[in-house]
Amino acid sequence: MDVREGTVMGVLGPNGAGKTTLVRILSTLLTPDAGEATVAGYDVLRQPRQLRRVIGLTGQYASVDEKLPGGRTCTSSGGSWTCPARRHARVPTSCWSGSR
């Protein structure tokens, strides 16, 4: 799988398909059994500390406000971790109007 920079991607599948496992591997929270993965140019296994400095992860129910759209939740979470504002500019404006 290859996802271009600046792309918003969703991972869909039935329960047990491995969606959560994939996210945990790509965010360095879980070590894969086999294969290789890079995120933002960093090897998930060999460069986890560097990778963690450039990514953010928030849970599905992490919003402090139930009515806050998903994009705004991400902006709030990024701000909590001093994520540069210029990174948010890459997200298409259509994402800001979506449901949570």
PDB file of N, CA and C in Angstrom:
ATOM      1  N   MET A   1       0.858  -1.159   0.000  1.00  0.00           N
ATOM      2  CA  MET A   1       0.000   0.000   0.000  1.00  0.00           C
ATOM      3  C   MET A   1       0.906   1.225   0.000  1.00  0.00           C
ATOM      4  N   ASP A   2       0.563   2.197  -0.796  1.00  0.00           N
ATOM      5  CA  ASP A   2       1.327   3.436  -0.868  1.00  0.00           C
ATOM      6  C   ASP A   2       0.334   4.595  -0.839  1.00  0.00           C
ATOM      7  N   VAL A   3       0.493   5.481   0.122  1.00  0.00           N
ATOM      8  CA  VAL A   3      -0.399   6.629   0.273  1.00  0.00           C
ATOM      9  C   VAL A   3       0.436   7.886   0.127  1.00  0.00           C
ATOM     10  N   ARG A   4       0.057   8.733  -0.821  1.00  0.00           N
ATOM     11  CA  ARG A   4       0.808   9.967  -1.068  1.00  0.00           C
ATOM     12  C   ARG A   4       0.670  10.951   0.084  1.00  0.00           C
ATOM     13  N   GLU A   5       1.698  11.747   0.283  1.00  0.00           N
ATOM     14  CA  GLU A   5       1.678  12.796   1.299  1.00  0.00           C
ATOM     15  C   GLU A   5       0.520  13.752   1.036  1.00  0.00           C
ATOM     16  N   GLY A   6      -0.154  14.153   2.103  1.00  0.00           N
ATOM     17  CA  GLY A   6      -1.268  15.081   1.979  1.00  0.00           C
ATOM     18  C   GLY A   6      -2.594  14.422   1.688  1.00  0.00           C
ATOM     19  N   THR A   7      -2.601  13.095   1.589  1.00  0.00           N
ATOM     20  CA  THR A   7      -3.813  12.351   1.294  1.00  0.00           C
ATOM     21  C   THR A   7      -4.507  11.950   2.593  1.00  0.00           C
ATOM     22  N   VAL A   8      -5.816  12.045   2.594  1.00  0.00           N
ATOM     23  CA  VAL A   8      -6.597  11.531   3.715  1.00  0.00           C
ATOM     24  C   VAL A   8      -7.111  10.169   3.284  1.00  0.00           C
ATOM     25  N   MET A   9      -6.791   9.130   4.067  1.00  0.00           N
ATOM     26  CA  MET A   9      -7.141   7.778   3.684  1.00  0.00           C
ATOM     27  C   MET A   9      -7.937   7.116   4.798  1.00  0.00           C
ATOM     28  N   GLY A  10      -8.923   6.360   4.438  1.00  0.00           N
ATOM     29  CA  GLY A  10      -9.685   5.586   5.405  1.00  0.00           C
ATOM     30  C   GLY A  10      -9.399   4.111   5.222  1.00  0.00           C
ATOM     31  N   VAL A  11      -9.431   3.371   6.301  1.00  0.00           N
ATOM     32  CA  VAL A  11      -9.233   1.923   6.247  1.00  0.00           C
ATOM     33  C   VAL A  11     -10.554   1.281   6.671  1.00  0.00           C
ATOM     34  N   LEU A  12     -11.146   0.549   5.756  1.00  0.00           N
ATOM     35  CA  LEU A  12     -12.444  -0.067   6.004  1.00  0.00           C
ATOM     36  C   LEU A  12     -12.338  -1.580   5.977  1.00  0.00           C
ATOM     37  N   GLY A  13     -13.203  -2.227   6.719  1.00  0.00           N
ATOM     38  CA  GLY A  13     -13.251  -3.682   6.694  1.00  0.00           C
ATOM     39  C   GLY A  13     -14.083  -4.196   7.844  1.00  0.00           C
ATOM     40  N   PRO A  14     -14.438  -5.475   7.778  1.00  0.00           N
ATOM     41  CA  PRO A  14     -15.255  -6.062   8.839  1.00  0.00           C
ATOM     42  C   PRO A  14     -14.453  -6.217  10.132  1.00  0.00           C
ATOM     43  N   ASN A  15     -15.165  -6.469  11.216  1.00  0.00           N
ATOM     44  CA  ASN A  15     -14.496  -6.735  12.492  1.00  0.00           C
ATOM     45  C   ASN A  15     -13.506  -7.872  12.323  1.00  0.00           C
ATOM     46  N   GLY A  16     -12.327  -7.706  12.880  1.00  0.00           N
ATOM     47  CA  GLY A  16     -11.311  -8.752  12.805  1.00  0.00           C
ATOM     48  C   GLY A  16     -10.458  -8.718  11.557  1.00  0.00           C
ATOM     49  N   ALA A  17     -10.670  -7.733  10.675  1.00  0.00           N
ATOM     50  CA  ALA A  17      -9.916  -7.672   9.423  1.00  0.00           C
ATOM     51  C   ALA A  17      -8.486  -7.170   9.614  1.00  0.00           C
ATOM     52  N   GLY A  18      -8.201  -6.512  10.734  1.00  0.00           N
ATOM     53  CA  GLY A  18      -6.842  -6.040  10.986  1.00  0.00           C
ATOM     54  C   GLY A  18      -6.665  -4.539  10.915  1.00  0.00           C
ATOM     55  N   LYS A  19      -7.745  -3.788  10.892  1.00  0.00           N
ATOM     56  CA  LYS A  19      -7.655  -2.323  10.796  1.00  0.00           C
ATOM     57  C   LYS A  19      -6.909  -1.733  11.992  1.00  0.00           C
ATOM     58  N   THR A  20      -7.309  -2.108  13.177  1.00  0.00           N
ATOM     59  CA  THR A  20      -6.666  -1.587  14.384  1.00  0.00           C
ATOM     60  C   THR A  20      -5.227  -2.063  14.469  1.00  0.00           C
ATOM     61  N   THR A  21      -4.974  -3.291  14.102  1.00  0.00           N
ATOM     62  CA  THR A  21      -3.611  -3.827  14.099  1.00  0.00           C
ATOM     63  C   THR A  21      -2.733  -3.019  13.146  1.00  0.00           C
ATOM     64  N   LEU A  22      -3.240  -2.701  11.964  1.00  0.00           N
ATOM     65  CA  LEU A  22      -2.486  -1.902  11.004  1.00  0.00           C
ATOM     66  C   LEU A  22      -2.124  -0.537  11.588  1.00  0.00           C
ATOM     67  N   VAL A  23      -3.095   0.124  12.181  1.00  0.00           N
ATOM     68  CA  VAL A  23      -2.835   1.445  12.770  1.00  0.00           C
ATOM     69  C   VAL A  23      -1.811   1.329  13.891  1.00  0.00           C
ATOM     70  N   ARG A  24      -1.918   0.318  14.712  1.00  0.00           N
ATOM     71  CA  ARG A  24      -0.960   0.135  15.805  1.00  0.00           C
ATOM     72  C   ARG A  24       0.448  -0.128  15.292  1.00  0.00           C
ATOM     73  N   ILE A  25       0.575  -0.882  14.219  1.00  0.00           N
ATOM     74  CA  ILE A  25       1.890  -1.131  13.629  1.00  0.00           C
ATOM     75  C   ILE A  25       2.460   0.155  13.037  1.00  0.00           C
ATOM     76  N   LEU A  26       1.649   0.874  12.257  1.00  0.00           N
ATOM     77  CA  LEU A  26       2.130   2.084  11.594  1.00  0.00           C
ATOM     78  C   LEU A  26       2.442   3.215  12.574  1.00  0.00           C
ATOM     79  N   SER A  27       1.879   3.143  13.771  1.00  0.00           N
ATOM     80  CA  SER A  27       2.155   4.168  14.780  1.00  0.00           C
ATOM     81  C   SER A  27       3.160   3.681  15.826  1.00  0.00           C
ATOM     82  N   THR A  28       3.798   2.563  15.583  1.00  0.00           N
ATOM     83  CA  THR A  28       4.859   1.962  16.410  1.00  0.00           C
ATOM     84  C   THR A  28       4.362   1.441  17.758  1.00  0.00           C
ATOM     85  N   LEU A  29       3.071   1.244  17.898  1.00  0.00           N
ATOM     86  CA  LEU A  29       2.544   0.711  19.156  1.00  0.00           C
ATOM     87  C   LEU A  29       2.580  -0.810  19.200  1.00  0.00           C
ATOM     88  N   LEU A  30       2.781  -1.429  18.044  1.00  0.00           N
ATOM     89  CA  LEU A  30       2.799  -2.885  17.942  1.00  0.00           C
ATOM     90  C   LEU A  30       3.875  -3.276  16.933  1.00  0.00           C
ATOM     91  N   THR A  31       4.606  -4.337  17.229  1.00  0.00           N
ATOM     92  CA  THR A  31       5.651  -4.820  16.318  1.00  0.00           C
ATOM     93  C   THR A  31       5.046  -5.840  15.358  1.00  0.00           C
ATOM     94  N   PRO A  32       5.269  -5.661  14.058  1.00  0.00           N
ATOM     95  CA  PRO A  32       4.706  -6.617  13.088  1.00  0.00           C
ATOM     96  C   PRO A  32       5.411  -7.971  13.162  1.00  0.00           C
ATOM     97  N   ASP A  33       4.698  -9.028  12.781  1.00  0.00           N
ATOM     98  CA  ASP A  33       5.281 -10.365  12.740  1.00  0.00           C
ATOM     99  C   ASP A  33       6.209 -10.532  11.534  1.00  0.00           C
ATOM    100  N   ALA A  34       5.902  -9.821  10.451  1.00  0.00           N
ATOM    101  CA  ALA A  34       6.687  -9.941   9.231  1.00  0.00           C
ATOM    102  C   ALA A  34       6.470  -8.689   8.386  1.00  0.00           C
ATOM    103  N   GLY A  35       7.271  -8.554   7.347  1.00  0.00           N
ATOM    104  CA  GLY A  35       7.108  -7.448   6.411  1.00  0.00           C
ATOM    105  C   GLY A  35       7.844  -6.198   6.851  1.00  0.00           C
ATOM    106  N   GLU A  36       7.556  -5.116   6.141  1.00  0.00           N
ATOM    107  CA  GLU A  36       8.202  -3.843   6.455  1.00  0.00           C
ATOM    108  C   GLU A  36       7.208  -2.725   6.200  1.00  0.00           C
ATOM    109  N   ALA A  37       7.429  -1.616   6.871  1.00  0.00           N
ATOM    110  CA  ALA A  37       6.545  -0.468   6.707  1.00  0.00           C
ATOM    111  C   ALA A  37       7.329   0.805   6.961  1.00  0.00           C
ATOM    112  N   THR A  38       7.039   1.810   6.151  1.00  0.00           N
ATOM    113  CA  THR A  38       7.615   3.131   6.371  1.00  0.00           C
ATOM    114  C   THR A  38       6.474   4.141   6.413  1.00  0.00           C
ATOM    115  N   VAL A  39       6.632   5.116   7.275  1.00  0.00           N
ATOM    116  CA  VAL A  39       5.669   6.199   7.409  1.00  0.00           C
ATOM    117  C   VAL A  39       6.460   7.494   7.435  1.00  0.00           C
ATOM    118  N   ALA A  40       6.098   8.419   6.571  1.00  0.00           N
ATOM    119  CA  ALA A  40       6.787   9.710   6.473  1.00  0.00           C
ATOM    120  C   ALA A  40       8.286   9.521   6.250  1.00  0.00           C
ATOM    121  N   GLY A  41       8.637   8.447   5.563  1.00  0.00           N
ATOM    122  CA  GLY A  41      10.036   8.178   5.252  1.00  0.00           C
ATOM    123  C   GLY A  41      10.803   7.449   6.351  1.00  0.00           C
ATOM    124  N   TYR A  42      10.159   7.145   7.451  1.00  0.00           N
ATOM    125  CA  TYR A  42      10.811   6.461   8.568  1.00  0.00           C
ATOM    126  C   TYR A  42      10.394   5.005   8.626  1.00  0.00           C
ATOM    127  N   ASP A  43      11.373   4.134   8.852  1.00  0.00           N
ATOM    128  CA  ASP A  43      11.111   2.711   9.004  1.00  0.00           C
ATOM    129  C   ASP A  43      10.465   2.483  10.371  1.00  0.00           C
ATOM    130  N   VAL A  44       9.326   1.835  10.375  1.00  0.00           N
ATOM    131  CA  VAL A  44       8.551   1.633  11.598  1.00  0.00           C
ATOM    132  C   VAL A  44       9.352   0.854  12.650  1.00  0.00           C
ATOM    133  N   LEU A  45      10.141  -0.132  12.223  1.00  0.00           N
ATOM    134  CA  LEU A  45      10.918  -0.941  13.161  1.00  0.00           C
ATOM    135  C   LEU A  45      12.243  -0.309  13.553  1.00  0.00           C
ATOM    136  N   ARG A  46      12.926   0.307  12.604  1.00  0.00           N
ATOM    137  CA  ARG A  46      14.275   0.822  12.856  1.00  0.00           C
ATOM    138  C   ARG A  46      14.325   2.266  13.353  1.00  0.00           C
ATOM    139  N   GLN A  47      13.280   3.032  13.099  1.00  0.00           N
ATOM    140  CA  GLN A  47      13.297   4.450  13.460  1.00  0.00           C
ATOM    141  C   GLN A  47      12.018   4.888  14.196  1.00  0.00           C
ATOM    142  N   PRO A  48      11.581   4.132  15.192  1.00  0.00           N
ATOM    143  CA  PRO A  48      10.315   4.466  15.858  1.00  0.00           C
ATOM    144  C   PRO A  48      10.331   5.832  16.552  1.00  0.00           C
ATOM    145  N   ARG A  49      11.443   6.210  17.162  1.00  0.00           N
ATOM    146  CA  ARG A  49      11.489   7.501  17.872  1.00  0.00           C
ATOM    147  C   ARG A  49      11.344   8.668  16.903  1.00  0.00           C
ATOM    148  N   GLN A  50      12.034   8.589  15.767  1.00  0.00           N
ATOM    149  CA  GLN A  50      11.928   9.656  14.773  1.00  0.00           C
ATOM    150  C   GLN A  50      10.515   9.722  14.207  1.00  0.00           C
ATOM    151  N   LEU A  51       9.923   8.556  13.959  1.00  0.00           N
ATOM    152  CA  LEU A  51       8.574   8.501  13.409  1.00  0.00           C
ATOM    153  C   LEU A  51       7.565   9.125  14.367  1.00  0.00           C
ATOM    154  N   ARG A  52       7.686   8.804  15.640  1.00  0.00           N
ATOM    155  CA  ARG A  52       6.745   9.343  16.633  1.00  0.00           C
ATOM    156  C   ARG A  52       6.791  10.863  16.716  1.00  0.00           C
ATOM    157  N   ARG A  53       7.913  11.451  16.319  1.00  0.00           N
ATOM    158  CA  ARG A  53       8.037  12.912  16.357  1.00  0.00           C
ATOM    159  C   ARG A  53       7.248  13.592  15.236  1.00  0.00           C
ATOM    160  N   VAL A  54       6.882  12.847  14.184  1.00  0.00           N
ATOM    161  CA  VAL A  54       6.224  13.480  13.035  1.00  0.00           C
ATOM    162  C   VAL A  54       4.790  13.015  12.797  1.00  0.00           C
ATOM    163  N   ILE A  55       4.305  12.098  13.624  1.00  0.00           N
ATOM    164  CA  ILE A  55       2.927  11.628  13.457  1.00  0.00           C
ATOM    165  C   ILE A  55       2.109  11.946  14.706  1.00  0.00           C
ATOM    166  N   GLY A  56       0.814  11.843  14.562  1.00  0.00           N
ATOM    167  CA  GLY A  56      -0.088  11.978  15.697  1.00  0.00           C
ATOM    168  C   GLY A  56      -1.158  10.907  15.598  1.00  0.00           C
ATOM    169  N   LEU A  57      -1.686  10.528  16.719  1.00  0.00           N
ATOM    170  CA  LEU A  57      -2.702   9.486  16.746  1.00  0.00           C
ATOM    171  C   LEU A  57      -3.727   9.862  17.800  1.00  0.00           C
ATOM    172  N   THR A  58      -4.972   9.824  17.417  1.00  0.00           N
ATOM    173  CA  THR A  58      -6.045  10.083  18.368  1.00  0.00           C
ATOM    174  C   THR A  58      -7.106   9.007  18.210  1.00  0.00           C
ATOM    175  N   GLY A  59      -7.751   8.683  19.295  1.00  0.00           N
ATOM    176  CA  GLY A  59      -8.750   7.630  19.261  1.00  0.00           C
ATOM    177  C   GLY A  59     -10.057   8.081  18.638  1.00  0.00           C
ATOM    178  N   GLN A  60     -10.895   7.120  18.334  1.00  0.00           N
ATOM    179  CA  GLN A  60     -12.179   7.387  17.699  1.00  0.00           C
ATOM    180  C   GLN A  60     -13.081   8.231  18.591  1.00  0.00           C
ATOM    181  N   TYR A  61     -12.964   8.063  19.882  1.00  0.00           N
ATOM    182  CA  TYR A  61     -13.835   8.780  20.816  1.00  0.00           C
ATOM    183  C   TYR A  61     -13.047   9.777  21.659  1.00  0.00           C
ATOM    184  N   ALA A  62     -12.024  10.406  21.058  1.00  0.00           N
ATOM    185  CA  ALA A  62     -11.138  11.288  21.814  1.00  0.00           C
ATOM    186  C   ALA A  62     -11.637  12.721  21.910  1.00  0.00           C
ATOM    187  N   SER A  63     -12.682  13.061  21.197  1.00  0.00           N
ATOM    188  CA  SER A  63     -13.147  14.441  21.187  1.00  0.00           C
ATOM    189  C   SER A  63     -13.719  14.847  22.530  1.00  0.00           C
ATOM    190  N   VAL A  64     -13.419  16.075  22.934  1.00  0.00           N
ATOM    191  CA  VAL A  64     -13.993  16.589  24.176  1.00  0.00           C
ATOM    192  C   VAL A  64     -15.389  17.148  23.927  1.00  0.00           C
ATOM    193  N   ASP A  65     -15.741  17.319  22.666  1.00  0.00           N
ATOM    194  CA  ASP A  65     -17.041  17.869  22.300  1.00  0.00           C
ATOM    195  C   ASP A  65     -17.675  16.946  21.265  1.00  0.00           C
ATOM    196  N   GLU A  66     -18.803  16.352  21.590  1.00  0.00           N
ATOM    197  CA  GLU A  66     -19.462  15.411  20.681  1.00  0.00           C
ATOM    198  C   GLU A  66     -19.819  16.031  19.339  1.00  0.00           C
ATOM    199  N   LYS A  67     -20.030  17.342  19.299  1.00  0.00           N
ATOM    200  CA  LYS A  67     -20.446  18.000  18.067  1.00  0.00           C
ATOM    201  C   LYS A  67     -19.268  18.535  17.260  1.00  0.00           C
ATOM    202  N   LEU A  68     -18.054  18.328  17.738  1.00  0.00           N
ATOM    203  CA  LEU A  68     -16.865  18.806  17.037  1.00  0.00           C
ATOM    204  C   LEU A  68     -16.570  17.878  15.859  1.00  0.00           C
ATOM    205  N   PRO A  69     -16.497  18.427  14.623  1.00  0.00           N
ATOM    206  CA  PRO A  69     -16.198  17.581  13.456  1.00  0.00           C
ATOM    207  C   PRO A  69     -14.824  16.916  13.581  1.00  0.00           C
ATOM    208  N   GLY A  70     -14.642  15.812  12.873  1.00  0.00           N
ATOM    209  CA  GLY A  70     -13.392  15.052  12.935  1.00  0.00           C
ATOM    210  C   GLY A  70     -12.150  15.876  12.661  1.00  0.00           C
ATOM    211  N   GLY A  71     -12.207  16.729  11.629  1.00  0.00           N
ATOM    212  CA  GLY A  71     -11.044  17.552  11.295  1.00  0.00           C
ATOM    213  C   GLY A  71     -10.664  18.495  12.409  1.00  0.00           C
ATOM    214  N   ARG A  72     -11.638  19.076  13.056  1.00  0.00           N
ATOM    215  CA  ARG A  72     -11.367  19.991  14.176  1.00  0.00           C
ATOM    216  C   ARG A  72     -10.797  19.225  15.369  1.00  0.00           C
ATOM    217  N   THR A  73     -11.266  17.999  15.568  1.00  0.00           N
ATOM    218  CA  THR A  73     -10.712  17.171  16.640  1.00  0.00           C
ATOM    219  C   THR A  73      -9.229  16.935  16.379  1.00  0.00           C
ATOM    220  N   CYS A  74      -8.884  16.646  15.130  1.00  0.00           N
ATOM    221  CA  CYS A  74      -7.478  16.425  14.772  1.00  0.00           C
ATOM    222  C   CYS A  74      -6.654  17.686  14.997  1.00  0.00           C
ATOM    223  N   THR A  75      -7.196  18.834  14.621  1.00  0.00           N
ATOM    224  CA  THR A  75      -6.496  20.097  14.828  1.00  0.00           C
ATOM    225  C   THR A  75      -6.273  20.333  16.309  1.00  0.00           C
ATOM    226  N   SER A  76      -7.278  20.062  17.121  1.00  0.00           N
ATOM    227  CA  SER A  76      -7.153  20.242  18.564  1.00  0.00           C
ATOM    228  C   SER A  76      -6.095  19.305  19.130  1.00  0.00           C
ATOM    229  N   SER A  77      -6.121  18.051  18.705  1.00  0.00           N
ATOM    230  CA  SER A  77      -5.137  17.086  19.189  1.00  0.00           C
ATOM    231  C   SER A  77      -3.734  17.485  18.750  1.00  0.00           C
ATOM    232  N   GLY A  78      -3.596  17.915  17.503  1.00  0.00           N
ATOM    233  CA  GLY A  78      -2.293  18.348  16.997  1.00  0.00           C
ATOM    234  C   GLY A  78      -1.774  19.544  17.767  1.00  0.00           C
ATOM    235  N   GLY A  79      -2.666  20.473  18.100  1.00  0.00           N
ATOM    236  CA  GLY A  79      -2.267  21.641  18.863  1.00  0.00           C
ATOM    237  C   GLY A  79      -1.780  21.277  20.249  1.00  0.00           C
ATOM    238  N   SER A  80      -2.371  20.232  20.824  1.00  0.00           N
ATOM    239  CA  SER A  80      -1.948  19.775  22.143  1.00  0.00           C
ATOM    240  C   SER A  80      -0.519  19.247  22.127  1.00  0.00           C
ATOM    241  N   TRP A  81      -0.102  18.771  20.990  1.00  0.00           N
ATOM    242  CA  TRP A  81       1.245  18.215  20.863  1.00  0.00           C
ATOM    243  C   TRP A  81       2.160  19.148  20.082  1.00  0.00           C
ATOM    244  N   THR A  82       1.815  20.409  20.013  1.00  0.00           N
ATOM    245  CA  THR A  82       2.584  21.447  19.309  1.00  0.00           C
ATOM    246  C   THR A  82       2.871  21.075  17.863  1.00  0.00           C
ATOM    247  N   CYS A  83       1.891  20.497  17.205  1.00  0.00           N
ATOM    248  CA  CYS A  83       1.997  20.163  15.794  1.00  0.00           C
ATOM    249  C   CYS A  83       1.939  21.465  15.002  1.00  0.00           C
ATOM    250  N   PRO A  84       2.901  21.714  14.113  1.00  0.00           N
ATOM    251  CA  PRO A  84       2.894  22.967  13.361  1.00  0.00           C
ATOM    252  C   PRO A  84       1.607  23.161  12.559  1.00  0.00           C
ATOM    253  N   ALA A  85       1.069  24.356  12.569  1.00  0.00           N
ATOM    254  CA  ALA A  85      -0.180  24.659  11.866  1.00  0.00           C
ATOM    255  C   ALA A  85      -0.066  24.392  10.377  1.00  0.00           C
ATOM    256  N   ARG A  86       1.103  24.576   9.803  1.00  0.00           N
ATOM    257  CA  ARG A  86       1.254  24.390   8.354  1.00  0.00           C
ATOM    258  C   ARG A  86       0.946  22.959   7.929  1.00  0.00           C
ATOM    259  N   ARG A  87       1.081  22.001   8.821  1.00  0.00           N
ATOM    260  CA  ARG A  87       0.774  20.617   8.472  1.00  0.00           C
ATOM    261  C   ARG A  87      -0.720  20.441   8.257  1.00  0.00           C
ATOM    262  N   HIS A  88      -1.538  21.186   9.003  1.00  0.00           N
ATOM    263  CA  HIS A  88      -2.984  21.068   8.859  1.00  0.00           C
ATOM    264  C   HIS A  88      -3.460  21.620   7.530  1.00  0.00           C
ATOM    265  N   ALA A  89      -2.693  22.507   6.939  1.00  0.00           N
ATOM    266  CA  ALA A  89      -3.092  23.117   5.671  1.00  0.00           C
ATOM    267  C   ALA A  89      -3.163  22.086   4.560  1.00  0.00           C
ATOM    268  N   ARG A  90      -2.502  20.953   4.723  1.00  0.00           N
ATOM    269  CA  ARG A  90      -2.509  19.919   3.684  1.00  0.00           C
ATOM    270  C   ARG A  90      -3.823  19.151   3.629  1.00  0.00           C
ATOM    271  N   VAL A  91      -4.597  19.204   4.679  1.00  0.00           N
ATOM    272  CA  VAL A  91      -5.856  18.456   4.722  1.00  0.00           C
ATOM    273  C   VAL A  91      -6.900  19.192   3.901  1.00  0.00           C
ATOM    274  N   PRO A  92      -7.516  18.525   2.936  1.00  0.00           N
ATOM    275  CA  PRO A  92      -8.532  19.204   2.105  1.00  0.00           C
ATOM    276  C   PRO A  92      -9.655  19.770   2.945  1.00  0.00           C
ATOM    277  N   THR A  93     -10.172  20.907   2.530  1.00  0.00           N
ATOM    278  CA  THR A  93     -11.230  21.552   3.307  1.00  0.00           C
ATOM    279  C   THR A  93     -12.486  20.706   3.387  1.00  0.00           C
ATOM    280  N   SER A  94     -12.692  19.793   2.452  1.00  0.00           N
ATOM    281  CA  SER A  94     -13.869  18.929   2.508  1.00  0.00           C
ATOM    282  C   SER A  94     -13.850  18.052   3.751  1.00  0.00           C
ATOM    283  N   CYS A  95     -12.668  17.783   4.283  1.00  0.00           N
ATOM    284  CA  CYS A  95     -12.578  16.944   5.479  1.00  0.00           C
ATOM    285  C   CYS A  95     -13.093  17.664   6.702  1.00  0.00           C
ATOM    286  N   TRP A  96     -13.007  18.982   6.718  1.00  0.00           N
ATOM    287  CA  TRP A  96     -13.445  19.746   7.886  1.00  0.00           C
ATOM    288  C   TRP A  96     -14.960  19.718   8.034  1.00  0.00           C
ATOM    289  N   SER A  97     -15.686  19.482   6.959  1.00  0.00           N
ATOM    290  CA  SER A  97     -17.145  19.529   7.064  1.00  0.00           C
ATOM    291  C   SER A  97     -17.750  18.156   7.317  1.00  0.00           C
ATOM    292  N   GLY A  98     -16.930  17.129   7.385  1.00  0.00           N
ATOM    293  CA  GLY A  98     -17.450  15.774   7.583  1.00  0.00           C
ATOM    294  C   GLY A  98     -17.956  15.548   8.981  1.00  0.00           C
ATOM    295  N   SER A  99     -18.682  14.464   9.152  1.00  0.00           N
ATOM    296  CA  SER A  99     -19.187  14.133  10.484  1.00  0.00           C
ATOM    297  C   SER A  99     -18.053  13.549  11.311  1.00  0.00           C
ATOM    298  N   ARG A 100     -18.258  13.454  12.592  1.00  0.00           N
ATOM    299  CA  ARG A 100     -17.194  12.957  13.463  1.00  0.00           C
ATOM    300  C   ARG A 100     -16.956  11.500  13.304  1.00  0.00           C
TER     301      ARG A 100
END
